[in-house]
Amino acid sequence: MSEPEAGGKTVLLTLERGLQVLEAVAAADGTATAKVLSRQLGIKLGTCYHLLRTLLAGGYVVRLSGGRYDVGHRAASLNRHLQRRAGPAPELAVILARLHDRTHETSYISGWQHGTLTLQHYISGPHAMSVGELDVGYTGHLHARASCKAVLAFLPEDQVAAMFKGVELKAVTPRTIVDHDHLTVELARVRRQGYAVDREEFSEGVCCVSAPFFDGTGSPTGVFTVSVPTTRFQERQATMTMGVREAAAMATGLLRGRVVAHAVPDGMVRPCIAR
């Protein structure tokens, strides 16, 4: 079954529904049943059973006891391919692990390429909160996320202006920046201080701190981020800021052929040129 889209294109509704079912099964962590999925997705129960049987035959889901479903080996294989292609370099993954060990909070690394910031990997903290659709491969809401602001602040201003020309800055939460002039001011602040802060701009109840790292040309190539529940942000902000800035300095040194050799008085570790 297909349905026309704007521009004369068509989408296969059966495939779209099948992917919705697969995504819902993955999110349910082994608790999904046909009846629950039918209600959740607004799909007729008979259709839901048919889609599940198809996914089961292809190895994309497995059937558990009690009529429950979970992701199968084929879906897991797709995830491994995504991780391998989109994941950070092993050396950067080590720095992410160090950041997580230092802060004991949920830590992320994202990569900037071809005008898109993609979340590459993360390590959850012991008391992590769910942050909307944020997962490996996520690229949305450039104006609302600390990680994106940390990169945008160090791009040429005309490039940033071109990216947002005619683009509506949608409110993700009541605290999201939705005014272009306000965003410009915010990016200037990030550029001065060297890191970005998100105070519930992307997800209510969650605050983040991000710092960018740079390649040999001085261009931002990625960013480290730490997130915490808002209730802990004030007491954790200094540690988070120091952690992401240290991680970013280490990554920049690595990409520029340098090594981190010493700590400076403010507690930050800065890279020294390896001569």
C-alpha atoms as a PDB file:
ATOM      1  CA  MET A   1       0.000   0.000   0.000  1.00  0.00           C
ATOM      2  CA  SER A   2       1.324   3.428  -0.914  1.00  0.00           C
ATOM      3  CA  GLU A   3       0.211   6.981  -0.359  1.00  0.00           C
ATOM      4  CA  PRO A   4       1.123  10.117  -2.353  1.00  0.00           C
ATOM      5  CA  GLU A   5       3.339  12.703  -0.747  1.00  0.00           C
ATOM      6  CA  ALA A   6       3.930  16.360  -1.575  1.00  0.00           C
ATOM      7  CA  GLY A   7       5.798  16.663  -4.863  1.00  0.00           C
ATOM      8  CA  GLY A   8       4.194  13.590  -6.389  1.00  0.00           C
ATOM      9  CA  LYS A   9       6.374  11.121  -4.477  1.00  0.00           C
ATOM     10  CA  THR A  10       4.921   8.107  -2.714  1.00  0.00           C
ATOM     11  CA  VAL A  11       5.690   6.266   0.484  1.00  0.00           C
ATOM     12  CA  LEU A  12       4.981   2.621   1.229  1.00  0.00           C
ATOM     13  CA  LEU A  13       2.687   2.702   4.238  1.00  0.00           C
ATOM     14  CA  THR A  14       3.235  -0.964   5.036  1.00  0.00           C
ATOM     15  CA  LEU A  15       6.990  -0.450   5.214  1.00  0.00           C
ATOM     16  CA  GLU A  16       6.555   2.706   7.253  1.00  0.00           C
ATOM     17  CA  ARG A  17       4.310   0.906   9.741  1.00  0.00           C
ATOM     18  CA  GLY A  18       6.700  -2.022   9.910  1.00  0.00           C
ATOM     19  CA  LEU A  19       9.548   0.314  10.802  1.00  0.00           C
ATOM     20  CA  GLN A  20       7.355   2.006  13.419  1.00  0.00           C
ATOM     21  CA  VAL A  21       6.646  -1.386  14.966  1.00  0.00           C
ATOM     22  CA  LEU A  22      10.356  -2.295  14.962  1.00  0.00           C
ATOM     23  CA  GLU A  23      11.266   1.014  16.578  1.00  0.00           C
ATOM     24  CA  ALA A  24       8.566   0.594  19.237  1.00  0.00           C
ATOM     25  CA  VAL A  25       9.719  -2.951  19.987  1.00  0.00           C
ATOM     26  CA  ALA A  26      13.285  -1.715  20.441  1.00  0.00           C
ATOM     27  CA  ALA A  27      12.160   1.070  22.789  1.00  0.00           C
ATOM     28  CA  ALA A  28      10.096  -1.338  24.918  1.00  0.00           C
ATOM     29  CA  ASP A  29      13.101  -3.422  26.030  1.00  0.00           C
ATOM     30  CA  GLY A  30      11.373  -6.778  25.737  1.00  0.00           C
ATOM     31  CA  THR A  31       7.970  -5.759  27.120  1.00  0.00           C
ATOM     32  CA  ALA A  32       6.137  -5.075  23.831  1.00  0.00           C
ATOM     33  CA  THR A  33       3.087  -7.159  22.926  1.00  0.00           C
ATOM     34  CA  ALA A  34       0.939  -6.983  19.822  1.00  0.00           C
ATOM     35  CA  LYS A  35      -1.958  -5.459  21.770  1.00  0.00           C
ATOM     36  CA  VAL A  36       0.207  -2.791  23.350  1.00  0.00           C
ATOM     37  CA  LEU A  37       1.851  -1.940  20.025  1.00  0.00           C
ATOM     38  CA  SER A  38      -1.550  -1.784  18.318  1.00  0.00           C
ATOM     39  CA  ARG A  39      -2.838   0.766  20.844  1.00  0.00           C
ATOM     40  CA  GLN A  40       0.407   2.712  20.976  1.00  0.00           C
ATOM     41  CA  LEU A  41       0.805   3.091  17.214  1.00  0.00           C
ATOM     42  CA  GLY A  42      -2.847   3.240  16.220  1.00  0.00           C
ATOM     43  CA  ILE A  43      -2.516   0.148  14.019  1.00  0.00           C
ATOM     44  CA  LYS A  44      -5.254  -2.485  13.750  1.00  0.00           C
ATOM     45  CA  LEU A  45      -4.444  -5.539  15.858  1.00  0.00           C
ATOM     46  CA  GLY A  46      -4.582  -7.897  12.865  1.00  0.00           C
ATOM     47  CA  THR A  47      -2.209  -5.665  10.906  1.00  0.00           C
ATOM     48  CA  CYS A  48       0.107  -5.467  13.897  1.00  0.00           C
ATOM     49  CA  TYR A  49       0.265  -9.267  14.162  1.00  0.00           C
ATOM     50  CA  HIS A  50       1.008  -9.496  10.430  1.00  0.00           C
ATOM     51  CA  LEU A  51       3.835  -6.958  10.690  1.00  0.00           C
ATOM     52  CA  LEU A  52       5.299  -8.740  13.695  1.00  0.00           C
ATOM     53  CA  ARG A  53       5.203 -12.093  11.884  1.00  0.00           C
ATOM     54  CA  THR A  54       7.039 -10.522   8.947  1.00  0.00           C
ATOM     55  CA  LEU A  55       9.680  -8.980  11.195  1.00  0.00           C
ATOM     56  CA  LEU A  56       9.977 -12.281  13.073  1.00  0.00           C
ATOM     57  CA  ALA A  57      10.534 -14.226   9.844  1.00  0.00           C
ATOM     58  CA  GLY A  58      13.281 -11.801   8.833  1.00  0.00           C
ATOM     59  CA  GLY A  59      15.051 -12.025  12.180  1.00  0.00           C
ATOM     60  CA  TYR A  60      14.391  -8.395  13.040  1.00  0.00           C
ATOM     61  CA  VAL A  61      12.397  -9.323  16.158  1.00  0.00           C
ATOM     62  CA  VAL A  62      12.222 -12.375  18.399  1.00  0.00           C
ATOM     63  CA  ARG A  63       9.177 -13.695  20.257  1.00  0.00           C
ATOM     64  CA  LEU A  64       9.551 -14.109  23.997  1.00  0.00           C
ATOM     65  CA  SER A  65       7.347 -15.891  26.506  1.00  0.00           C
ATOM     66  CA  GLY A  66       3.966 -14.365  27.204  1.00  0.00           C
ATOM     67  CA  GLY A  67       3.583 -13.001  23.682  1.00  0.00           C
ATOM     68  CA  ARG A  68       6.267 -10.357  24.202  1.00  0.00           C
ATOM     69  CA  TYR A  69       8.687  -9.221  21.494  1.00  0.00           C
ATOM     70  CA  ASP A  70      12.233  -7.892  21.468  1.00  0.00           C
ATOM     71  CA  VAL A  71      14.737  -6.929  18.763  1.00  0.00           C
ATOM     72  CA  GLY A  72      16.380  -9.790  16.878  1.00  0.00           C
ATOM     73  CA  HIS A  73      19.856 -10.379  15.515  1.00  0.00           C
ATOM     74  CA  ARG A  74      19.191  -8.606  12.201  1.00  0.00           C
ATOM     75  CA  ALA A  75      18.197  -5.396  13.992  1.00  0.00           C
ATOM     76  CA  ALA A  76      21.247  -5.711  16.243  1.00  0.00           C
ATOM     77  CA  SER A  77      23.401  -6.118  13.130  1.00  0.00           C
ATOM     78  CA  LEU A  78      22.031  -2.861  11.703  1.00  0.00           C
ATOM     79  CA  ASN A  79      22.948  -1.115  14.932  1.00  0.00           C
ATOM     80  CA  ARG A  80      26.503  -2.495  14.798  1.00  0.00           C
ATOM     81  CA  HIS A  81      26.885  -1.225  11.235  1.00  0.00           C
ATOM     82  CA  LEU A  82      25.668   2.217  12.331  1.00  0.00           C
ATOM     83  CA  GLN A  83      28.025   2.271  15.301  1.00  0.00           C
ATOM     84  CA  ARG A  84      30.971   1.229  13.138  1.00  0.00           C
ATOM     85  CA  ARG A  85      30.284   3.838  10.444  1.00  0.00           C
ATOM     86  CA  ALA A  86      29.168   6.736  12.615  1.00  0.00           C
ATOM     87  CA  GLY A  87      31.133   6.054  15.794  1.00  0.00           C
ATOM     88  CA  PRO A  88      34.110   8.085  16.972  1.00  0.00           C
ATOM     89  CA  ALA A  89      37.721   7.073  16.442  1.00  0.00           C
ATOM     90  CA  PRO A  90      38.936   4.676  19.158  1.00  0.00           C
ATOM     91  CA  GLU A  91      41.255   7.326  20.594  1.00  0.00           C
ATOM     92  CA  LEU A  92      38.356   9.758  20.992  1.00  0.00           C
ATOM     93  CA  ALA A  93      36.228   7.019  22.550  1.00  0.00           C
ATOM     94  CA  VAL A  94      38.944   6.598  25.194  1.00  0.00           C
ATOM     95  CA  ILE A  95      38.741  10.316  25.985  1.00  0.00           C
ATOM     96  CA  LEU A  96      34.954   9.993  26.293  1.00  0.00           C
ATOM     97  CA  ALA A  97      35.416   7.137  28.766  1.00  0.00           C
ATOM     98  CA  ARG A  98      37.841   9.310  30.745  1.00  0.00           C
ATOM     99  CA  LEU A  99      35.279  12.134  30.793  1.00  0.00           C
ATOM    100  CA  HIS A 100      32.601   9.775  32.079  1.00  0.00           C
ATOM    101  CA  ASP A 101      34.936   8.382  34.764  1.00  0.00           C
ATOM    102  CA  ARG A 102      35.767  11.892  35.888  1.00  0.00           C
ATOM    103  CA  THR A 103      32.238  13.301  36.023  1.00  0.00           C
ATOM    104  CA  HIS A 104      30.217  10.136  36.741  1.00  0.00           C
ATOM    105  CA  GLU A 105      27.479  11.654  34.595  1.00  0.00           C
ATOM    106  CA  THR A 106      26.065  10.827  31.168  1.00  0.00           C
ATOM    107  CA  SER A 107      28.736  11.797  28.648  1.00  0.00           C
ATOM    108  CA  TYR A 108      28.426  12.222  24.871  1.00  0.00           C
ATOM    109  CA  ILE A 109      30.655  12.706  21.861  1.00  0.00           C
ATOM    110  CA  SER A 110      29.313  14.159  18.615  1.00  0.00           C
ATOM    111  CA  GLY A 111      31.026  14.697  15.268  1.00  0.00           C
ATOM    112  CA  TRP A 112      30.680  17.688  12.940  1.00  0.00           C
ATOM    113  CA  GLN A 113      30.748  16.837   9.239  1.00  0.00           C
ATOM    114  CA  HIS A 114      29.184  18.339   6.111  1.00  0.00           C
ATOM    115  CA  GLY A 115      27.155  20.850   8.109  1.00  0.00           C
ATOM    116  CA  THR A 116      25.652  18.273  10.450  1.00  0.00           C
ATOM    117  CA  LEU A 117      26.404  17.451  14.072  1.00  0.00           C
ATOM    118  CA  THR A 118      25.775  13.752  14.692  1.00  0.00           C
ATOM    119  CA  LEU A 119      25.707  12.100  18.093  1.00  0.00           C
ATOM    120  CA  GLN A 120      28.271   9.310  17.768  1.00  0.00           C
ATOM    121  CA  HIS A 121      28.425   7.626  21.142  1.00  0.00           C
ATOM    122  CA  TYR A 122      27.457   8.106  24.777  1.00  0.00           C
ATOM    123  CA  ILE A 123      28.007   6.504  28.176  1.00  0.00           C
ATOM    124  CA  SER A 124      25.090   6.725  30.595  1.00  0.00           C
ATOM    125  CA  GLY A 125      25.528   7.933  34.138  1.00  0.00           C
ATOM    126  CA  PRO A 126      24.233   5.994  37.148  1.00  0.00           C
ATOM    127  CA  HIS A 127      21.138   8.186  37.432  1.00  0.00           C
ATOM    128  CA  ALA A 128      20.624   9.117  33.784  1.00  0.00           C
ATOM    129  CA  MET A 129      17.385  10.658  32.582  1.00  0.00           C
ATOM    130  CA  SER A 130      15.802   9.911  29.219  1.00  0.00           C
ATOM    131  CA  VAL A 131      16.347  12.849  26.840  1.00  0.00           C
ATOM    132  CA  GLY A 132      13.621  12.674  24.201  1.00  0.00           C
ATOM    133  CA  GLU A 133      14.749  11.248  20.870  1.00  0.00           C
ATOM    134  CA  LEU A 134      18.437  11.718  21.674  1.00  0.00           C
ATOM    135  CA  ASP A 135      20.357   8.623  20.624  1.00  0.00           C
ATOM    136  CA  VAL A 136      23.280   7.608  18.418  1.00  0.00           C
ATOM    137  CA  GLY A 137      22.756   9.122  14.973  1.00  0.00           C
ATOM    138  CA  TYR A 138      20.648  12.047  16.199  1.00  0.00           C
ATOM    139  CA  THR A 139      21.183  15.295  14.261  1.00  0.00           C
ATOM    140  CA  GLY A 140      18.243  17.594  15.004  1.00  0.00           C
ATOM    141  CA  HIS A 141      17.625  20.973  16.659  1.00  0.00           C
ATOM    142  CA  LEU A 142      20.909  22.774  16.058  1.00  0.00           C
ATOM    143  CA  HIS A 143      19.672  25.878  17.897  1.00  0.00           C
ATOM    144  CA  ALA A 144      18.550  24.077  21.060  1.00  0.00           C
ATOM    145  CA  ARG A 145      21.450  21.817  22.035  1.00  0.00           C
ATOM    146  CA  ALA A 146      24.607  22.779  23.896  1.00  0.00           C
ATOM    147  CA  SER A 147      26.683  20.505  21.652  1.00  0.00           C
ATOM    148  CA  CYS A 148      25.466  22.282  18.522  1.00  0.00           C
ATOM    149  CA  LYS A 149      25.978  25.752  19.956  1.00  0.00           C
ATOM    150  CA  ALA A 150      29.514  24.786  20.962  1.00  0.00           C
ATOM    151  CA  VAL A 151      30.341  24.011  17.328  1.00  0.00           C
ATOM    152  CA  LEU A 152      28.326  26.800  15.675  1.00  0.00           C
ATOM    153  CA  ALA A 153      30.093  29.414  17.797  1.00  0.00           C
ATOM    154  CA  PHE A 154      33.420  28.586  16.133  1.00  0.00           C
ATOM    155  CA  LEU A 155      32.242  28.473  12.528  1.00  0.00           C
ATOM    156  CA  PRO A 156      32.528  31.512  10.228  1.00  0.00           C
ATOM    157  CA  GLU A 157      29.657  33.863  11.017  1.00  0.00           C
ATOM    158  CA  ASP A 158      28.543  34.032   7.376  1.00  0.00           C
ATOM    159  CA  GLN A 159      28.322  30.235   7.285  1.00  0.00           C
ATOM    160  CA  VAL A 160      26.123  30.182  10.377  1.00  0.00           C
ATOM    161  CA  ALA A 161      23.951  32.973   8.968  1.00  0.00           C
ATOM    162  CA  ALA A 162      23.474  31.005   5.738  1.00  0.00           C
ATOM    163  CA  MET A 163      22.537  27.859   7.675  1.00  0.00           C
ATOM    164  CA  PHE A 164      19.754  29.627   9.562  1.00  0.00           C
ATOM    165  CA  LYS A 165      18.544  32.017   6.846  1.00  0.00           C
ATOM    166  CA  GLY A 166      14.779  31.592   6.527  1.00  0.00           C
ATOM    167  CA  VAL A 167      14.784  28.762   9.088  1.00  0.00           C
ATOM    168  CA  GLU A 168      12.247  28.924  11.901  1.00  0.00           C
ATOM    169  CA  LEU A 169      13.779  28.333  15.324  1.00  0.00           C
ATOM    170  CA  LYS A 170      11.127  26.102  16.837  1.00  0.00           C
ATOM    171  CA  ALA A 171      10.565  25.953  20.576  1.00  0.00           C
ATOM    172  CA  VAL A 172      11.497  22.489  21.824  1.00  0.00           C
ATOM    173  CA  THR A 173      10.875  23.595  25.426  1.00  0.00           C
ATOM    174  CA  PRO A 174       9.751  26.923  26.916  1.00  0.00           C
ATOM    175  CA  ARG A 175      13.451  27.805  27.365  1.00  0.00           C
ATOM    176  CA  THR A 176      14.549  27.205  23.756  1.00  0.00           C
ATOM    177  CA  ILE A 177      16.090  30.176  21.954  1.00  0.00           C
ATOM    178  CA  VAL A 178      13.676  31.043  19.137  1.00  0.00           C
ATOM    179  CA  ASP A 179      14.992  34.467  18.107  1.00  0.00           C
ATOM    180  CA  HIS A 180      17.847  34.695  15.595  1.00  0.00           C
ATOM    181  CA  ASP A 181      19.397  37.785  17.221  1.00  0.00           C
ATOM    182  CA  HIS A 182      19.276  36.081  20.618  1.00  0.00           C
ATOM    183  CA  LEU A 183      20.996  33.033  19.118  1.00  0.00           C
ATOM    184  CA  THR A 184      23.731  35.240  17.637  1.00  0.00           C
ATOM    185  CA  VAL A 185      24.364  36.795  21.052  1.00  0.00           C
ATOM    186  CA  GLU A 186      24.429  33.351  22.664  1.00  0.00           C
ATOM    187  CA  LEU A 187      26.973  32.049  20.145  1.00  0.00           C
ATOM    188  CA  ALA A 188      29.200  35.060  20.810  1.00  0.00           C
ATOM    189  CA  ARG A 189      29.075  34.239  24.527  1.00  0.00           C
ATOM    190  CA  VAL A 190      29.999  30.612  23.821  1.00  0.00           C
ATOM    191  CA  ARG A 191      32.913  31.751  21.651  1.00  0.00           C
ATOM    192  CA  ARG A 192      34.244  33.986  24.464  1.00  0.00           C
ATOM    193  CA  GLN A 193      34.017  31.394  27.219  1.00  0.00           C
ATOM    194  CA  GLY A 194      34.967  28.341  25.129  1.00  0.00           C
ATOM    195  CA  TYR A 195      32.005  26.156  26.072  1.00  0.00           C
ATOM    196  CA  ALA A 196      28.217  26.080  25.742  1.00  0.00           C
ATOM    197  CA  VAL A 197      25.477  25.527  28.300  1.00  0.00           C
ATOM    198  CA  ASP A 198      21.955  24.229  27.747  1.00  0.00           C
ATOM    199  CA  ARG A 199      19.618  24.985  30.630  1.00  0.00           C
ATOM    200  CA  GLU A 200      16.559  22.913  29.727  1.00  0.00           C
ATOM    201  CA  GLU A 201      16.549  24.299  26.173  1.00  0.00           C
ATOM    202  CA  PHE A 202      16.362  20.863  24.533  1.00  0.00           C
ATOM    203  CA  SER A 203      14.752  18.729  27.231  1.00  0.00           C
ATOM    204  CA  GLU A 204      12.877  19.902  30.311  1.00  0.00           C
ATOM    205  CA  GLY A 205      14.538  18.787  33.513  1.00  0.00           C
ATOM    206  CA  VAL A 206      17.953  18.292  31.880  1.00  0.00           C
ATOM    207  CA  CYS A 207      20.966  20.635  31.647  1.00  0.00           C
ATOM    208  CA  CYS A 208      24.126  20.129  29.578  1.00  0.00           C
ATOM    209  CA  VAL A 209      27.616  21.563  29.166  1.00  0.00           C
ATOM    210  CA  SER A 210      29.578  21.094  25.916  1.00  0.00           C
ATOM    211  CA  ALA A 211      33.046  21.973  24.650  1.00  0.00           C
ATOM    212  CA  PRO A 212      34.271  21.649  21.042  1.00  0.00           C
ATOM    213  CA  PHE A 213      37.506  20.154  19.762  1.00  0.00           C
ATOM    214  CA  PHE A 214      39.383  21.206  16.631  1.00  0.00           C
ATOM    215  CA  ASP A 215      41.405  19.718  13.793  1.00  0.00           C
ATOM    216  CA  GLY A 216      44.779  20.869  12.493  1.00  0.00           C
ATOM    217  CA  THR A 217      43.202  23.734  10.527  1.00  0.00           C
ATOM    218  CA  GLY A 218      41.486  25.154  13.591  1.00  0.00           C
ATOM    219  CA  SER A 219      38.034  24.089  12.417  1.00  0.00           C
ATOM    220  CA  PRO A 220      35.631  22.484  14.917  1.00  0.00           C
ATOM    221  CA  THR A 221      35.332  18.775  14.228  1.00  0.00           C
ATOM    222  CA  GLY A 222      33.362  17.530  17.211  1.00  0.00           C
ATOM    223  CA  VAL A 223      32.234  18.148  20.757  1.00  0.00           C
ATOM    224  CA  PHE A 224      32.092  16.522  24.175  1.00  0.00           C
ATOM    225  CA  THR A 225      28.967  16.942  26.318  1.00  0.00           C
ATOM    226  CA  VAL A 226      27.887  16.043  29.840  1.00  0.00           C
ATOM    227  CA  SER A 227      24.235  16.131  30.920  1.00  0.00           C
ATOM    228  CA  VAL A 228      22.605  16.047  34.343  1.00  0.00           C
ATOM    229  CA  PRO A 229      19.127  16.505  35.811  1.00  0.00           C
ATOM    230  CA  THR A 230      18.442  20.179  36.486  1.00  0.00           C
ATOM    231  CA  THR A 231      18.218  19.464  40.214  1.00  0.00           C
ATOM    232  CA  ARG A 232      21.957  18.622  40.254  1.00  0.00           C
ATOM    233  CA  PHE A 233      23.176  21.151  37.711  1.00  0.00           C
ATOM    234  CA  GLN A 234      24.219  23.986  40.008  1.00  0.00           C
ATOM    235  CA  GLU A 235      26.360  21.764  42.222  1.00  0.00           C
ATOM    236  CA  ARG A 236      27.831  19.863  39.247  1.00  0.00           C
ATOM    237  CA  GLN A 237      28.322  22.666  36.715  1.00  0.00           C
ATOM    238  CA  ALA A 238      31.940  23.450  37.600  1.00  0.00           C
ATOM    239  CA  THR A 239      32.979  19.789  37.436  1.00  0.00           C
ATOM    240  CA  MET A 240      31.092  19.287  34.183  1.00  0.00           C
ATOM    241  CA  THR A 241      32.653  22.367  32.608  1.00  0.00           C
ATOM    242  CA  MET A 242      36.159  21.404  33.647  1.00  0.00           C
ATOM    243  CA  GLY A 243      35.591  17.858  32.409  1.00  0.00           C
ATOM    244  CA  VAL A 244      34.352  18.713  28.924  1.00  0.00           C
ATOM    245  CA  ARG A 245      37.024  21.370  28.429  1.00  0.00           C
ATOM    246  CA  GLU A 246      39.752  18.952  29.442  1.00  0.00           C
ATOM    247  CA  ALA A 247      38.358  16.281  27.106  1.00  0.00           C
ATOM    248  CA  ALA A 248      38.127  18.771  24.258  1.00  0.00           C
ATOM    249  CA  ALA A 249      41.714  19.951  24.837  1.00  0.00           C
ATOM    250  CA  MET A 250      42.935  16.362  24.789  1.00  0.00           C
ATOM    251  CA  ALA A 251      41.050  15.605  21.564  1.00  0.00           C
ATOM    252  CA  THR A 252      42.340  18.783  19.912  1.00  0.00           C
ATOM    253  CA  GLY A 253      45.887  17.888  20.903  1.00  0.00           C
ATOM    254  CA  LEU A 254      45.407  14.385  19.544  1.00  0.00           C
ATOM    255  CA  LEU A 255      44.100  15.637  16.200  1.00  0.00           C
ATOM    256  CA  ARG A 256      46.939  18.134  15.931  1.00  0.00           C
ATOM    257  CA  GLY A 257      49.623  15.578  16.758  1.00  0.00           C
ATOM    258  CA  ARG A 258      50.097  16.863  20.273  1.00  0.00           C
ATOM    259  CA  VAL A 259      50.012  15.256  23.706  1.00  0.00           C
ATOM    260  CA  VAL A 260      48.543  16.438  26.991  1.00  0.00           C
ATOM    261  CA  ALA A 261      51.540  17.013  29.195  1.00  0.00           C
ATOM    262  CA  HIS A 262      50.606  19.157  32.149  1.00  0.00           C
ATOM    263  CA  ALA A 263      47.820  20.775  34.126  1.00  0.00           C
ATOM    264  CA  VAL A 264      47.557  24.536  34.358  1.00  0.00           C
ATOM    265  CA  PRO A 265      46.605  26.461  37.533  1.00  0.00           C
ATOM    266  CA  ASP A 266      42.873  26.674  36.732  1.00  0.00           C
ATOM    267  CA  GLY A 267      42.715  22.883  36.771  1.00  0.00           C
ATOM    268  CA  MET A 268      42.443  22.511  33.024  1.00  0.00           C
ATOM    269  CA  VAL A 269      44.718  20.101  31.197  1.00  0.00           C
ATOM    270  CA  ARG A 270      46.124  21.725  28.066  1.00  0.00           C
ATOM    271  CA  PRO A 271      47.957  20.046  25.211  1.00  0.00           C
ATOM    272  CA  CYS A 272      51.645  20.702  24.615  1.00  0.00           C
ATOM    273  CA  ILE A 273      53.209  20.390  21.178  1.00  0.00           C
ATOM    274  CA  ALA A 274      55.191  17.216  20.821  1.00  0.00           C
ATOM    275  CA  ARG A 275      58.502  18.313  19.325  1.00  0.00           C
END
